[in-house]
Amino acid sequence: MEGQSVPTIPPRRWVLTPTALCLVAVIAGCGGVGFLGTTASSFLRHVRESDNPNVRYAAFTRLADPGCYSDEGQKAEAVRELVAALDGGQESVATQAAICRTLGALDRPEALTVLRKTALAEDPIVRTEACRALGKTGTIEDATLLARVMTTDVSRDCRVAAIEALGDLSPADPRIGLTLVEGMRNPDPAIRAASYQTLKLITGQDHGFEIDRWEELAQARLDETQPPDVRAAPR
C-alpha cells in the first residue's frame, strides 16, 4: 500500500452513519412533544415525570445545552439523572445514544464510569456514541479502552468513533501510535482515513499515506520510552 493515495471521507458533521440516520429518524418523530421549556429544571422535570419516549429523548438531548443551567450544581444534578438513566438500561437505543452525547457535551468526571461500561454495550449505536463521549470527557487512561474498541469491535462505526476519540484525547502513549499505524493498513477506507487523521492530531506531523514513515516515527517514540538496555537490544 506504499504510495497509495489517502482515502478521503467527508468532515465528521456531514457523515450520515447508521447512528446518525437512526437519530434523524427519531428526531423526525419528535415533532409532537410539545413545549418542554428552556431551562435545565424543566428538562429534568420531563425526564423524571414523562412516560413518553419522544419527550424523554428530547429532554435528554436539550440537557446538552450549557446555556440551560443556572449553576454547576444544577449541571451535576443533571449528570446524576443522565447516568442513572443510562445505567438503568430501560431507555430506547436512540435515547441511550442521546444520553451519551449529552454526557460528552457536559464533560464531567462523574459520567466516566458509565461511559466506560457503555462503550462495551451490546448495541453498536450506543457503543459508538459512548466512545465519542469518552473522547470529549475521558482521561488519558481511557485511550487503552478506545484502542481495544478500535481493534476488536465488530462495528465499523464503533471502530471509527474510537479512533476519532483517540484523536480528541491525544494520548502520549507511543503504543497507541503503533496501533493507529496498523489501522492505516486496514482494508476498510474509513478506518484507514480515521487512523491517518488521528495520527496527524497526536503527532503534529503529516506523512500522508506513507505507512513506513509513520511506523518509523511510532517506533522511534516507543524506543525513547524504553530503558537504554532494552532500547539497544536487537529486534
Protein backbone atom coordinates (compact mmCIF):
# COMPACT_ATOMS: atom_id res chain seq x y z
CA MET A 1 0.00 0.00 0.00
CA GLU A 2 3.09 2.21 -0.13
CA GLY A 3 2.40 5.35 -2.10
CA GLN A 4 -1.36 4.78 -2.06
CA SER A 5 -3.37 7.99 -2.08
CA VAL A 6 -5.06 8.96 1.14
CA PRO A 7 -8.71 7.87 1.22
CA THR A 8 -10.97 10.83 1.66
CA ILE A 9 -14.03 11.00 3.86
CA PRO A 10 -16.37 13.94 4.42
CA PRO A 11 -15.91 16.05 7.58
CA ARG A 12 -17.49 14.42 10.60
CA ARG A 13 -20.51 16.69 10.69
CA TRP A 14 -21.59 15.58 7.20
CA VAL A 15 -21.16 11.79 7.53
CA LEU A 16 -24.56 10.10 7.75
CA THR A 17 -23.60 6.89 9.51
CA PRO A 18 -26.25 4.37 10.58
CA THR A 19 -26.10 6.03 14.00
CA ALA A 20 -26.94 9.43 12.54
CA LEU A 21 -29.69 8.02 10.32
CA CYS A 22 -31.29 6.34 13.31
CA LEU A 23 -31.21 9.52 15.35
CA VAL A 24 -32.55 11.62 12.48
CA ALA A 25 -35.48 9.24 12.22
CA VAL A 26 -36.20 9.60 15.93
CA ILE A 27 -35.94 13.38 15.81
CA ALA A 28 -38.35 13.43 12.89
CA GLY A 29 -40.85 11.62 15.07
CA CYS A 30 -40.43 14.07 17.95
CA GLY A 31 -42.31 16.92 16.38
CA GLY A 32 -45.32 16.38 18.66
CA VAL A 33 -43.53 16.51 22.01
CA GLY A 34 -44.87 19.97 22.76
CA PHE A 35 -43.12 22.79 24.58
CA LEU A 36 -40.54 21.42 27.02
CA GLY A 37 -39.37 24.71 28.45
CA THR A 38 -35.98 26.37 28.16
CA THR A 39 -34.21 25.55 31.40
CA ALA A 40 -32.48 22.51 32.85
CA SER A 41 -35.11 22.42 35.59
CA SER A 42 -37.90 21.99 33.05
CA PHE A 43 -35.98 19.38 31.07
CA LEU A 44 -35.20 17.42 34.24
CA ARG A 45 -38.87 17.52 35.23
CA HIS A 46 -39.82 15.91 31.92
CA VAL A 47 -37.10 13.28 32.36
CA ARG A 48 -38.42 12.40 35.81
CA GLU A 49 -42.15 12.57 35.11
CA SER A 50 -42.81 11.75 31.46
CA ASP A 51 -43.57 8.25 30.19
CA ASN A 52 -43.49 9.46 26.57
CA PRO A 53 -40.24 8.17 24.99
CA ASN A 54 -40.17 11.05 22.50
CA VAL A 55 -40.44 13.62 25.27
CA ARG A 56 -37.71 11.89 27.25
CA TYR A 57 -35.45 11.74 24.20
CA ALA A 58 -35.96 15.45 23.53
CA ALA A 59 -35.39 16.39 27.17
CA PHE A 60 -32.19 14.34 27.43
CA THR A 61 -30.95 15.94 24.22
CA ARG A 62 -31.67 19.51 25.33
CA LEU A 63 -29.77 18.99 28.57
CA ALA A 64 -26.61 19.12 26.43
CA ASP A 65 -27.03 22.91 26.08
CA PRO A 66 -24.68 24.56 28.61
CA GLY A 67 -26.82 27.70 28.49
CA CYS A 68 -29.79 25.98 30.12
CA TYR A 69 -28.07 25.63 33.51
CA SER A 70 -28.20 28.17 36.31
CA ASP A 71 -25.03 26.90 38.02
CA GLU A 72 -22.59 23.98 38.26
CA GLY A 73 -24.67 22.35 40.96
CA GLN A 74 -27.60 22.03 38.57
CA LYS A 75 -25.31 20.58 35.94
CA ALA A 76 -24.09 17.98 38.46
CA GLU A 77 -27.73 17.15 39.24
CA ALA A 78 -28.44 16.62 35.55
CA VAL A 79 -25.42 14.36 35.14
CA ARG A 80 -26.67 12.19 38.01
CA GLU A 81 -30.02 11.81 36.25
CA LEU A 82 -28.34 11.05 32.93
CA VAL A 83 -26.00 8.48 34.46
CA ALA A 84 -28.85 6.75 36.29
CA ALA A 85 -30.97 6.59 33.13
CA LEU A 86 -28.11 5.21 31.03
CA ASP A 87 -27.04 2.71 33.66
CA GLY A 88 -30.60 1.53 34.16
CA GLY A 89 -30.80 0.18 30.63
CA GLN A 90 -34.53 0.91 30.28
CA GLU A 91 -34.31 3.68 27.68
CA SER A 92 -34.54 3.07 23.94
CA VAL A 93 -31.38 2.69 21.88
CA ALA A 94 -31.79 6.18 20.40
CA THR A 95 -32.29 7.71 23.85
CA GLN A 96 -29.27 5.90 25.28
CA ALA A 97 -27.22 7.28 22.39
CA ALA A 98 -28.60 10.78 23.07
CA ILE A 99 -27.67 10.48 26.75
CA CYS A 100 -24.12 9.54 25.80
CA ARG A 101 -23.86 12.60 23.55
CA THR A 102 -25.19 14.85 26.30
CA LEU A 103 -22.75 13.43 28.86
CA GLY A 104 -19.92 14.09 26.42
CA ALA A 105 -21.09 17.68 25.97
CA LEU A 106 -21.34 18.28 29.73
CA ASP A 107 -17.82 16.91 30.25
CA ARG A 108 -17.98 15.92 33.92
CA PRO A 109 -15.94 13.13 35.53
CA GLU A 110 -18.99 11.64 37.27
CA ALA A 111 -20.02 10.20 33.90
CA LEU A 112 -16.81 8.30 33.20
CA THR A 113 -17.70 5.01 34.88
CA VAL A 114 -20.97 4.56 33.00
CA LEU A 115 -19.47 5.73 29.69
CA ARG A 116 -16.63 3.20 30.00
CA LYS A 117 -19.19 0.48 30.64
CA THR A 118 -21.41 1.65 27.79
CA ALA A 119 -18.50 1.68 25.32
CA LEU A 120 -18.74 -2.12 25.59
CA ALA A 121 -22.55 -2.29 25.46
CA GLU A 122 -24.46 -4.70 23.26
CA ASP A 123 -25.88 -2.22 20.75
CA PRO A 124 -23.36 -0.74 18.29
CA ILE A 125 -25.19 2.60 18.05
CA VAL A 126 -24.89 3.07 21.81
CA ARG A 127 -21.26 1.91 21.83
CA THR A 128 -20.44 4.39 19.08
CA GLU A 129 -21.83 7.37 20.98
CA ALA A 130 -20.21 6.25 24.23
CA CYS A 131 -16.82 6.16 22.50
CA ARG A 132 -17.35 9.66 21.11
CA ALA A 133 -18.32 10.89 24.58
CA LEU A 134 -15.17 9.35 26.08
CA GLY A 135 -13.14 11.32 23.57
CA LYS A 136 -14.68 14.52 24.95
CA THR A 137 -14.76 13.80 28.67
CA GLY A 138 -12.37 10.89 29.20
CA THR A 139 -8.88 10.76 30.62
CA ILE A 140 -5.64 9.62 29.04
CA GLU A 141 -6.20 6.24 30.70
CA ASP A 142 -9.27 5.76 28.51
CA ALA A 143 -7.02 5.56 25.45
CA THR A 144 -6.40 1.88 26.27
CA LEU A 145 -10.12 1.10 26.18
CA LEU A 146 -10.60 3.05 22.96
CA ALA A 147 -7.65 1.30 21.34
CA ARG A 148 -9.24 -2.03 22.24
CA VAL A 149 -12.54 -0.98 20.67
CA MET A 150 -10.63 0.23 17.61
CA THR A 151 -9.01 -3.15 17.06
CA THR A 152 -11.68 -5.64 18.17
CA ASP A 153 -15.17 -4.18 17.74
CA VAL A 154 -17.27 -5.79 15.02
CA SER A 155 -18.90 -2.49 14.05
CA ARG A 156 -17.07 -0.16 11.68
CA ASP A 157 -18.91 2.84 13.16
CA CYS A 158 -17.68 1.92 16.63
CA ARG A 159 -14.12 1.47 15.44
CA VAL A 160 -14.08 4.80 13.61
CA ALA A 161 -15.64 6.54 16.63
CA ALA A 162 -12.95 5.06 18.89
CA ILE A 163 -10.19 6.19 16.52
CA GLU A 164 -11.57 9.73 16.36
CA ALA A 165 -11.95 9.77 20.15
CA LEU A 166 -8.26 8.88 20.44
CA GLY A 167 -7.56 12.00 18.40
CA ASP A 168 -9.59 14.05 20.88
CA LEU A 169 -7.67 12.59 23.83
CA SER A 170 -4.25 12.81 22.09
CA PRO A 171 -2.58 10.23 24.36
CA ALA A 172 1.19 10.34 24.70
CA ASP A 173 1.47 6.53 24.94
CA PRO A 174 3.61 5.56 21.91
CA ARG A 175 1.92 2.16 21.72
CA ILE A 176 -1.26 3.94 20.60
CA GLY A 177 0.70 5.32 17.65
CA LEU A 178 1.68 1.83 16.56
CA THR A 179 -1.95 0.71 16.87
CA LEU A 180 -3.01 3.58 14.63
CA VAL A 181 -0.34 2.64 12.08
CA GLU A 182 -1.91 -0.80 11.93
CA GLY A 183 -5.24 0.95 11.42
CA MET A 184 -3.79 2.56 8.30
CA ARG A 185 -3.27 -0.94 6.91
CA ASN A 186 -6.91 -1.89 7.44
CA PRO A 187 -8.79 -2.84 4.24
CA ASP A 188 -11.66 -0.51 5.21
CA PRO A 189 -11.01 3.00 3.79
CA ALA A 190 -12.94 4.71 6.61
CA ILE A 191 -10.75 3.09 9.25
CA ARG A 192 -7.59 3.91 7.28
CA ALA A 193 -8.63 7.54 6.88
CA ALA A 194 -9.63 7.94 10.53
CA SER A 195 -6.32 6.40 11.66
CA TYR A 196 -4.40 8.78 9.43
CA GLN A 197 -6.26 11.84 10.71
CA THR A 198 -5.75 10.81 14.32
CA LEU A 199 -2.04 10.21 13.80
CA LYS A 200 -1.76 13.76 12.47
CA LEU A 201 -3.56 15.12 15.52
CA ILE A 202 -1.49 13.15 18.02
CA THR A 203 1.92 13.75 16.44
CA GLY A 204 1.50 17.16 14.83
CA GLN A 205 3.09 15.69 11.70
CA ASP A 206 1.82 14.69 8.30
CA HIS A 207 3.45 11.91 6.30
CA GLY A 208 0.48 11.35 4.05
CA PHE A 209 -0.20 7.69 3.48
CA GLU A 210 3.44 6.65 3.72
CA ILE A 211 2.86 3.90 6.25
CA ASP A 212 6.54 3.06 6.61
CA ARG A 213 7.28 6.66 7.65
CA TRP A 214 4.52 6.61 10.23
CA GLU A 215 5.74 3.28 11.56
CA GLU A 216 9.30 4.57 11.89
CA LEU A 217 8.02 7.59 13.81
CA ALA A 218 5.84 5.50 16.13
CA GLN A 219 8.65 3.00 16.75
CA ALA A 220 11.13 5.79 17.47
CA ARG A 221 8.76 7.28 20.02
CA LEU A 222 8.32 3.89 21.64
CA ASP A 223 12.10 3.37 21.76
CA GLU A 224 12.51 6.72 23.53
CA THR A 225 10.42 5.42 26.42
CA GLN A 226 12.44 2.23 26.85
CA PRO A 227 15.42 1.82 29.23
CA PRO A 228 18.79 2.08 27.44
CA ASP A 229 19.50 -1.68 27.70
CA VAL A 230 16.11 -2.56 26.18
CA ARG A 231 16.47 0.12 23.51
CA ALA A 232 19.80 -1.26 22.38
CA ALA A 233 18.61 -4.87 22.23
CA PRO A 234 18.30 -6.24 18.68
CA ARG A 235 14.75 -6.74 17.42
